[in-house]
Amino acid sequence: MHVQIPVTVHQARLGPQEFQVVRPAQPPRRALLLDEGPYLNAYVDQAAARLLAGLWSLAATSPRSLIHVPLRPNGAGSPEPGSRPLDLVLLHHSLQFAPSRWKELRGRLGPGRRRSVSAPASEPEIDHEALHHAENRNRFHQHLHAETLFMTGSAKVFRESAGHFREVARHGPAHVRDATRRGHYCARLHPGDTRTREIHIEYSDSWPDVPA
């Protein structure tokens, strides 16, 4: 089963190399990605969680593209003092793109071409134990550059981790609205590497600065 995602596709050249950047045609309206010291926290509503799940899956099937998700300028609430809002870029490790070149590449992107792309709507079962094996190569590598979090990994790790966002989209709304529960629903994306920070993905249906 697949889902269709409206995107814009951008082409830009840096020296002799040409890169393709894919962005959602409509960035998520109720989503924030924050660098909060030792933690990376993502706050999403149901629509944003579904979109991010699709984009995460798209990264698994698009090894020659950078998947750019603009999150900072969407006006979704005001971060707490000490929080650093971030955009997100997902890319396959074989692309070998240096995050230090992102600011220049981003500045060369035009309006892009509108397209609808297909991404898997389900994910394989995750082998959590294998993530911690020393020889495991299916791990994320993180870099922060130009107010952007870069998540670099294999197709396998993108396919598997997309499920965290689907889980939040599927269970978050009912959980937080159930008066008998604590009102908090989240998933944790464990990178499986002590040098890479865990991403805490929390469902939120309270976005006071964003029109309904």
Protein backbone atom coordinates (compact mmCIF):
# COMPACT_ATOMS: atom_id res chain seq x y z
CA MET A 1 0.00 0.00 0.00
CA HIS A 2 1.27 3.46 -0.92
CA VAL A 3 0.32 7.07 -0.24
CA GLN A 4 0.57 10.01 -2.63
CA ILE A 5 2.46 13.07 -1.38
CA PRO A 6 2.28 16.44 -3.18
CA VAL A 7 5.81 17.82 -3.39
CA THR A 8 7.93 20.37 -5.16
CA VAL A 9 11.11 19.12 -6.86
CA HIS A 10 14.06 21.51 -7.10
CA GLN A 11 17.32 21.21 -9.04
CA ALA A 12 20.40 23.25 -8.16
CA ARG A 13 24.06 23.05 -9.07
CA LEU A 14 27.08 23.44 -6.82
CA GLY A 15 30.18 23.52 -8.97
CA PRO A 16 30.13 20.46 -11.24
CA GLN A 17 27.49 18.67 -9.17
CA GLU A 18 23.73 18.94 -9.54
CA PHE A 19 21.49 18.09 -6.61
CA GLN A 20 17.79 17.35 -6.37
CA VAL A 21 15.88 18.65 -3.36
CA VAL A 22 12.34 17.48 -2.63
CA ARG A 23 10.04 19.47 -0.36
CA PRO A 24 6.43 18.91 0.69
CA ALA A 25 4.22 21.16 -1.42
CA GLN A 26 2.58 22.30 1.82
CA PRO A 27 4.95 22.13 4.82
CA PRO A 28 3.31 20.82 7.99
CA ARG A 29 1.37 23.64 9.68
CA ARG A 30 1.41 22.20 13.18
CA ALA A 31 4.89 20.84 13.72
CA LEU A 32 8.02 21.94 15.52
CA LEU A 33 11.47 20.40 15.73
CA LEU A 34 13.46 21.80 18.64
CA ASP A 35 17.03 21.40 19.79
CA GLU A 36 16.66 21.56 23.55
CA GLY A 37 20.14 20.88 24.82
CA PRO A 38 20.57 17.14 25.33
CA TYR A 39 17.26 16.42 23.60
CA LEU A 40 15.78 16.74 20.13
CA ASN A 41 12.01 17.15 20.50
CA ALA A 42 9.48 16.98 17.66
CA TYR A 43 5.92 18.16 18.33
CA VAL A 44 3.30 17.22 15.74
CA ASP A 45 -0.43 17.02 15.20
CA GLN A 46 -1.99 14.10 13.35
CA ALA A 47 -1.66 15.59 9.85
CA ALA A 48 1.98 16.53 10.44
CA ALA A 49 2.80 13.08 11.82
CA ARG A 50 1.26 11.44 8.74
CA LEU A 51 3.14 13.74 6.39
CA LEU A 52 6.46 13.16 8.15
CA ALA A 53 5.89 9.40 8.05
CA GLY A 54 5.39 9.65 4.29
CA LEU A 55 8.47 11.82 3.82
CA TRP A 56 10.57 9.47 5.97
CA SER A 57 9.44 6.58 3.74
CA LEU A 58 10.13 8.67 0.65
CA ALA A 59 13.72 9.14 1.82
CA ALA A 60 14.08 5.35 1.77
CA THR A 61 13.08 5.17 -1.90
CA SER A 62 14.84 8.35 -3.11
CA PRO A 63 18.57 7.79 -2.53
CA ARG A 64 19.56 10.54 -5.00
CA SER A 65 17.46 13.29 -3.38
CA LEU A 66 17.64 15.46 -0.30
CA ILE A 67 14.23 15.54 1.41
CA HIS A 68 13.88 19.02 2.95
CA VAL A 69 11.10 19.70 5.45
CA PRO A 70 10.84 23.42 6.34
CA LEU A 71 9.68 23.57 9.95
CA ARG A 72 11.09 26.80 11.41
CA PRO A 73 8.96 29.39 9.56
CA ASN A 74 5.55 27.78 10.02
CA GLY A 75 4.54 29.92 13.02
CA ALA A 76 3.47 26.92 15.08
CA GLY A 77 3.71 28.41 18.56
CA SER A 78 6.64 30.04 20.32
CA PRO A 79 9.51 27.83 21.50
CA GLU A 80 10.53 27.98 25.13
CA PRO A 81 13.63 30.05 25.99
CA GLY A 82 16.70 27.99 25.28
CA SER A 83 15.02 26.04 22.48
CA ARG A 84 16.45 26.22 18.98
CA PRO A 85 13.94 25.64 16.13
CA LEU A 86 15.27 23.49 13.32
CA ASP A 87 14.40 22.49 9.79
CA LEU A 88 14.90 18.87 8.74
CA VAL A 89 16.80 17.23 5.88
CA LEU A 90 16.67 13.47 5.25
CA LEU A 91 19.23 11.92 2.91
CA HIS A 92 20.63 8.55 1.97
CA HIS A 93 24.25 8.02 3.03
CA SER A 94 25.31 7.14 -0.53
CA LEU A 95 24.62 10.72 -1.63
CA GLN A 96 27.66 11.83 0.39
CA PHE A 97 26.39 15.38 0.71
CA ALA A 98 28.31 17.59 3.17
CA PRO A 99 25.90 19.52 5.45
CA SER A 100 28.33 22.44 5.36
CA ARG A 101 27.21 23.01 1.73
CA TRP A 102 23.52 23.16 2.61
CA LYS A 103 23.21 26.90 3.14
CA GLU A 104 24.64 27.60 -0.32
CA LEU A 105 22.50 24.92 -1.98
CA ARG A 106 19.36 26.13 -0.19
CA GLY A 107 20.00 29.65 -1.43
CA ARG A 108 20.03 28.47 -5.05
CA LEU A 109 16.67 26.68 -4.98
CA GLY A 110 13.93 28.16 -7.10
CA PRO A 111 10.17 27.57 -6.85
CA GLY A 112 10.51 23.99 -8.08
CA ARG A 113 8.13 21.79 -10.05
CA ARG A 114 4.94 20.43 -8.51
CA ARG A 115 4.60 16.65 -8.53
CA SER A 116 2.83 13.87 -6.71
CA VAL A 117 5.13 11.10 -5.49
CA SER A 118 4.36 7.68 -4.07
CA ALA A 119 5.70 6.46 -0.72
CA PRO A 120 5.08 3.21 1.18
CA ALA A 121 2.29 3.48 3.75
CA SER A 122 3.54 0.65 5.96
CA GLU A 123 6.85 -0.33 7.48
CA PRO A 124 8.67 -3.59 8.25
CA GLU A 125 8.98 -4.85 11.79
CA ILE A 126 11.86 -3.13 13.58
CA ASP A 127 14.64 -5.25 15.05
CA HIS A 128 15.36 -3.03 18.07
CA GLU A 129 18.03 -5.35 19.45
CA ALA A 130 20.01 -5.29 16.21
CA LEU A 131 20.19 -1.51 16.36
CA HIS A 132 22.62 -1.77 19.25
CA HIS A 133 24.99 -4.30 17.66
CA ALA A 134 28.41 -2.79 17.06
CA GLU A 135 28.52 -4.09 13.49
CA ASN A 136 25.11 -2.67 12.59
CA ARG A 137 25.44 -0.24 9.67
CA ASN A 138 21.78 0.74 9.60
CA ARG A 139 22.11 3.68 11.92
CA PHE A 140 21.44 7.35 11.55
CA HIS A 141 24.15 9.96 11.55
CA GLN A 142 23.13 13.44 12.67
CA HIS A 143 24.58 16.82 11.84
CA LEU A 144 23.39 20.31 12.72
CA HIS A 145 24.17 23.05 10.23
CA ALA A 146 22.45 26.27 9.12
CA GLU A 147 19.57 25.75 11.60
CA THR A 148 18.87 22.36 10.06
CA LEU A 149 19.00 18.82 11.43
CA PHE A 150 20.47 16.38 8.92
CA MET A 151 19.47 12.74 9.31
CA THR A 152 21.67 10.55 7.11
CA GLY A 153 21.02 6.82 6.90
CA SER A 154 20.27 3.75 4.84
CA ALA A 155 17.02 2.89 3.09
CA LYS A 156 16.38 0.24 5.75
CA VAL A 157 16.64 2.62 8.69
CA PHE A 158 14.40 5.21 6.99
CA ARG A 159 11.76 2.57 6.24
CA GLU A 160 11.76 1.29 9.79
CA SER A 161 11.78 4.65 11.58
CA ALA A 162 8.86 6.02 9.54
CA GLY A 163 6.71 3.82 11.75
CA HIS A 164 7.32 6.04 14.77
CA PHE A 165 5.44 8.88 13.09
CA ARG A 166 2.65 6.57 11.95
CA GLU A 167 2.30 5.33 15.52
CA VAL A 168 1.90 8.89 16.82
CA ALA A 169 -0.63 9.73 14.09
CA ARG A 170 -2.60 6.55 14.73
CA HIS A 171 -2.78 6.61 18.53
CA GLY A 172 -1.97 10.15 19.65
CA PRO A 173 -5.34 11.92 19.15
CA ALA A 174 -7.47 9.38 21.06
CA HIS A 175 -4.89 9.02 23.80
CA VAL A 176 -4.53 12.70 24.70
CA ARG A 177 -8.29 13.31 24.54
CA ASP A 178 -9.09 10.43 26.88
CA ALA A 179 -9.72 12.00 30.29
CA THR A 180 -8.68 8.76 32.02
CA ARG A 181 -5.13 8.99 30.61
CA ARG A 182 -2.30 11.38 31.36
CA GLY A 183 -2.76 13.31 28.13
CA HIS A 184 0.73 12.60 26.78
CA TYR A 185 1.52 10.38 23.82
CA CYS A 186 4.95 10.04 22.27
CA ALA A 187 7.33 7.78 20.41
CA ARG A 188 11.09 7.70 20.72
CA LEU A 189 13.35 7.34 17.74
CA HIS A 190 16.43 5.58 19.08
CA PRO A 191 19.35 6.11 16.70
CA GLY A 192 21.34 3.17 18.12
CA ASP A 193 24.53 5.23 18.40
CA THR A 194 25.78 7.04 21.51
CA ARG A 195 27.00 9.92 19.33
CA THR A 196 23.50 10.49 17.90
CA ARG A 197 20.70 11.98 19.97
CA GLU A 198 17.34 10.36 20.41
CA ILE A 199 14.37 12.18 18.87
CA HIS A 200 11.34 12.44 21.12
CA ILE A 201 8.21 12.66 18.92
CA GLU A 202 5.21 13.98 20.85
CA TYR A 203 1.63 14.34 19.69
CA SER A 204 0.06 17.75 20.38
CA ASP A 205 -3.36 19.10 19.49
CA SER A 206 -2.77 22.47 21.14
CA TRP A 207 -1.43 25.04 18.70
CA PRO A 208 -2.68 28.47 19.89
CA ASP A 209 -0.78 30.50 17.31
CA VAL A 210 -1.97 28.51 14.30
CA PRO A 211 -5.48 28.97 12.83
CA ALA A 212 -7.63 25.85 12.77
